[in-house]
Amino acid sequence: MKSVIKIWKAKGQILEGIKNNIFKVDHIEEIAAERKKFCEGCILFDGKCAVPGTGPCCGDCGCSMKLKWRSLSASCPLEEPRWKAILTFEEEYMLQQKLREDVPE
């Protein structure tokens, strides 16, 4: 039940990670690669997944790291995070809206 609550609270970040994992963008892939380097040596890396089969996962929250690394609003859960959020979920949403407005039809 505890992991379900964590997943529900992080649903925006999860959706952001899914979108960024499907529609790859070079600068987000660079960020994901840098975050991955920090995680590979972490004791929480490849912990129990909240959703089986989505590994590697974070041992703290159970999130799929493939998605978490690509969520610009996600951060490392450690007390002294190895990497921090770049944007809040709201800022990421507003940026995506602005980018859509600037695309010529």
C-alpha atoms as a PDB file:
ATOM      1  CA  MET A   1       0.000   0.000   0.000  1.00  0.00           C
ATOM      2  CA  LYS A   2       2.858   2.346   0.836  1.00  0.00           C
ATOM      3  CA  SER A   3       4.332   1.996  -2.666  1.00  0.00           C
ATOM      4  CA  VAL A   4       0.921   2.656  -4.262  1.00  0.00           C
ATOM      5  CA  ILE A   5       0.699   5.952  -2.363  1.00  0.00           C
ATOM      6  CA  LYS A   6       4.213   6.930  -3.489  1.00  0.00           C
ATOM      7  CA  ILE A   7       3.332   6.088  -7.080  1.00  0.00           C
ATOM      8  CA  TRP A   8       0.122   8.131  -6.905  1.00  0.00           C
ATOM      9  CA  LYS A   9       2.007  11.146  -5.536  1.00  0.00           C
ATOM     10  CA  ALA A  10       4.599  10.841  -8.313  1.00  0.00           C
ATOM     11  CA  LYS A  11       2.126  10.241 -11.147  1.00  0.00           C
ATOM     12  CA  GLY A  12       3.042  13.505 -12.885  1.00  0.00           C
ATOM     13  CA  GLN A  13       6.730  12.662 -12.826  1.00  0.00           C
ATOM     14  CA  ILE A  14       6.015   9.127 -14.028  1.00  0.00           C
ATOM     15  CA  LEU A  15       3.955  10.416 -16.962  1.00  0.00           C
ATOM     16  CA  GLU A  16       6.689  12.927 -17.770  1.00  0.00           C
ATOM     17  CA  GLY A  17       9.262  10.107 -17.741  1.00  0.00           C
ATOM     18  CA  ILE A  18       7.086   7.916 -19.962  1.00  0.00           C
ATOM     19  CA  LYS A  19       6.633  10.731 -22.480  1.00  0.00           C
ATOM     20  CA  ASN A  20      10.352  11.551 -22.491  1.00  0.00           C
ATOM     21  CA  ASN A  21      11.223   7.853 -22.828  1.00  0.00           C
ATOM     22  CA  ILE A  22       8.959   7.444 -25.865  1.00  0.00           C
ATOM     23  CA  PHE A  23       9.688  10.783 -27.561  1.00  0.00           C
ATOM     24  CA  LYS A  24      13.453  10.999 -27.118  1.00  0.00           C
ATOM     25  CA  VAL A  25      15.097  14.435 -27.085  1.00  0.00           C
ATOM     26  CA  ASP A  26      18.884  14.753 -27.123  1.00  0.00           C
ATOM     27  CA  HIS A  27      19.255  17.096 -24.130  1.00  0.00           C
ATOM     28  CA  ILE A  28      16.978  14.935 -21.957  1.00  0.00           C
ATOM     29  CA  GLU A  29      18.908  11.811 -22.972  1.00  0.00           C
ATOM     30  CA  GLU A  30      22.138  13.578 -21.906  1.00  0.00           C
ATOM     31  CA  ILE A  31      20.585  14.382 -18.516  1.00  0.00           C
ATOM     32  CA  ALA A  32      19.374  10.779 -18.165  1.00  0.00           C
ATOM     33  CA  ALA A  33      22.867   9.452 -18.956  1.00  0.00           C
ATOM     34  CA  GLU A  34      24.442  11.717 -16.319  1.00  0.00           C
ATOM     35  CA  ARG A  35      21.860  10.713 -13.707  1.00  0.00           C
ATOM     36  CA  LYS A  36      22.408   7.041 -14.538  1.00  0.00           C
ATOM     37  CA  LYS A  37      26.138   7.388 -13.782  1.00  0.00           C
ATOM     38  CA  PHE A  38      25.317   8.608 -10.261  1.00  0.00           C
ATOM     39  CA  CYS A  39      22.809   5.809  -9.657  1.00  0.00           C
ATOM     40  CA  GLU A  40      24.840   2.835 -10.835  1.00  0.00           C
ATOM     41  CA  GLY A  41      27.031   2.843  -7.705  1.00  0.00           C
ATOM     42  CA  CYS A  42      24.200   3.603  -5.272  1.00  0.00           C
ATOM     43  CA  ILE A  43      22.963   1.126  -2.654  1.00  0.00           C
ATOM     44  CA  LEU A  44      19.373   1.976  -3.668  1.00  0.00           C
ATOM     45  CA  PHE A  45      19.966   1.161  -7.354  1.00  0.00           C
ATOM     46  CA  ASP A  46      18.069  -1.801  -8.749  1.00  0.00           C
ATOM     47  CA  GLY A  47      15.921  -2.222  -5.691  1.00  0.00           C
ATOM     48  CA  LYS A  48      12.465  -3.713  -5.577  1.00  0.00           C
ATOM     49  CA  CYS A  49      10.195  -2.351  -8.302  1.00  0.00           C
ATOM     50  CA  ALA A  50       6.724  -1.085  -7.422  1.00  0.00           C
ATOM     51  CA  VAL A  51       5.655  -2.393 -10.823  1.00  0.00           C
ATOM     52  CA  PRO A  52       7.369  -5.734 -11.511  1.00  0.00           C
ATOM     53  CA  GLY A  53       9.353  -5.935 -14.738  1.00  0.00           C
ATOM     54  CA  THR A  54      10.132  -2.210 -14.947  1.00  0.00           C
ATOM     55  CA  GLY A  55      13.694  -2.404 -13.590  1.00  0.00           C
ATOM     56  CA  PRO A  56      16.149  -1.191 -12.842  1.00  0.00           C
ATOM     57  CA  CYS A  57      14.310   0.540 -10.016  1.00  0.00           C
ATOM     58  CA  CYS A  58      15.001   2.867  -7.100  1.00  0.00           C
ATOM     59  CA  GLY A  59      15.114   0.948  -3.816  1.00  0.00           C
ATOM     60  CA  ASP A  60      13.570   3.926  -1.985  1.00  0.00           C
ATOM     61  CA  CYS A  61      10.475   4.623  -4.073  1.00  0.00           C
ATOM     62  CA  GLY A  62      10.274   1.594  -6.367  1.00  0.00           C
ATOM     63  CA  CYS A  63      10.170   3.798  -9.478  1.00  0.00           C
ATOM     64  CA  SER A  64      11.548   2.624 -12.817  1.00  0.00           C
ATOM     65  CA  MET A  65      14.868   4.380 -13.228  1.00  0.00           C
ATOM     66  CA  LYS A  66      14.456   4.480 -17.019  1.00  0.00           C
ATOM     67  CA  LEU A  67      11.527   6.832 -16.409  1.00  0.00           C
ATOM     68  CA  LYS A  68      12.843   8.666 -13.351  1.00  0.00           C
ATOM     69  CA  TRP A  69      16.101   9.622 -15.088  1.00  0.00           C
ATOM     70  CA  ARG A  70      14.055  11.223 -17.888  1.00  0.00           C
ATOM     71  CA  SER A  71      11.696  13.168 -15.642  1.00  0.00           C
ATOM     72  CA  LEU A  72      13.137  16.649 -15.316  1.00  0.00           C
ATOM     73  CA  SER A  73      10.960  17.249 -12.249  1.00  0.00           C
ATOM     74  CA  ALA A  74      12.220  14.110 -10.429  1.00  0.00           C
ATOM     75  CA  SER A  75      15.136  14.061  -8.015  1.00  0.00           C
ATOM     76  CA  CYS A  76      17.219  11.515  -6.152  1.00  0.00           C
ATOM     77  CA  PRO A  77      15.461  10.518  -2.888  1.00  0.00           C
ATOM     78  CA  LEU A  78      18.603  10.438  -0.744  1.00  0.00           C
ATOM     79  CA  GLU A  79      18.923  12.957   2.104  1.00  0.00           C
ATOM     80  CA  GLU A  80      21.839  14.484   0.200  1.00  0.00           C
ATOM     81  CA  PRO A  81      20.581  13.901  -3.348  1.00  0.00           C
ATOM     82  CA  ARG A  82      23.066  12.794  -5.961  1.00  0.00           C
ATOM     83  CA  TRP A  83      21.011  14.705  -8.542  1.00  0.00           C
ATOM     84  CA  LYS A  84      18.229  17.237  -8.229  1.00  0.00           C
ATOM     85  CA  ALA A  85      15.162  18.171 -10.208  1.00  0.00           C
ATOM     86  CA  ILE A  86      15.847  20.619 -13.012  1.00  0.00           C
ATOM     87  CA  LEU A  87      12.262  21.866 -13.295  1.00  0.00           C
ATOM     88  CA  THR A  88       9.159  21.451 -11.217  1.00  0.00           C
ATOM     89  CA  PHE A  89       6.383  19.411 -12.822  1.00  0.00           C
ATOM     90  CA  GLU A  90       4.432  22.644 -13.384  1.00  0.00           C
ATOM     91  CA  GLU A  91       7.431  24.332 -15.061  1.00  0.00           C
ATOM     92  CA  GLU A  92       7.933  21.292 -17.303  1.00  0.00           C
ATOM     93  CA  TYR A  93       4.241  21.359 -18.255  1.00  0.00           C
ATOM     94  CA  MET A  94       4.347  25.101 -19.024  1.00  0.00           C
ATOM     95  CA  LEU A  95       7.515  24.631 -21.096  1.00  0.00           C
ATOM     96  CA  GLN A  96       5.894  21.837 -23.119  1.00  0.00           C
ATOM     97  CA  GLN A  97       2.797  24.023 -23.707  1.00  0.00           C
ATOM     98  CA  LYS A  98       4.993  26.912 -24.860  1.00  0.00           C
ATOM     99  CA  LEU A  99       6.952  24.652 -27.207  1.00  0.00           C
ATOM    100  CA  ARG A 100       3.697  23.408 -28.765  1.00  0.00           C
ATOM    101  CA  GLU A 101       2.522  27.007 -29.303  1.00  0.00           C
ATOM    102  CA  ASP A 102       5.762  27.873 -31.119  1.00  0.00           C
ATOM    103  CA  VAL A 103       5.533  24.977 -33.597  1.00  0.00           C
ATOM    104  CA  PRO A 104       4.304  26.188 -36.998  1.00  0.00           C
ATOM    105  CA  GLU A 105       1.388  24.237 -38.453  1.00  0.00           C
END
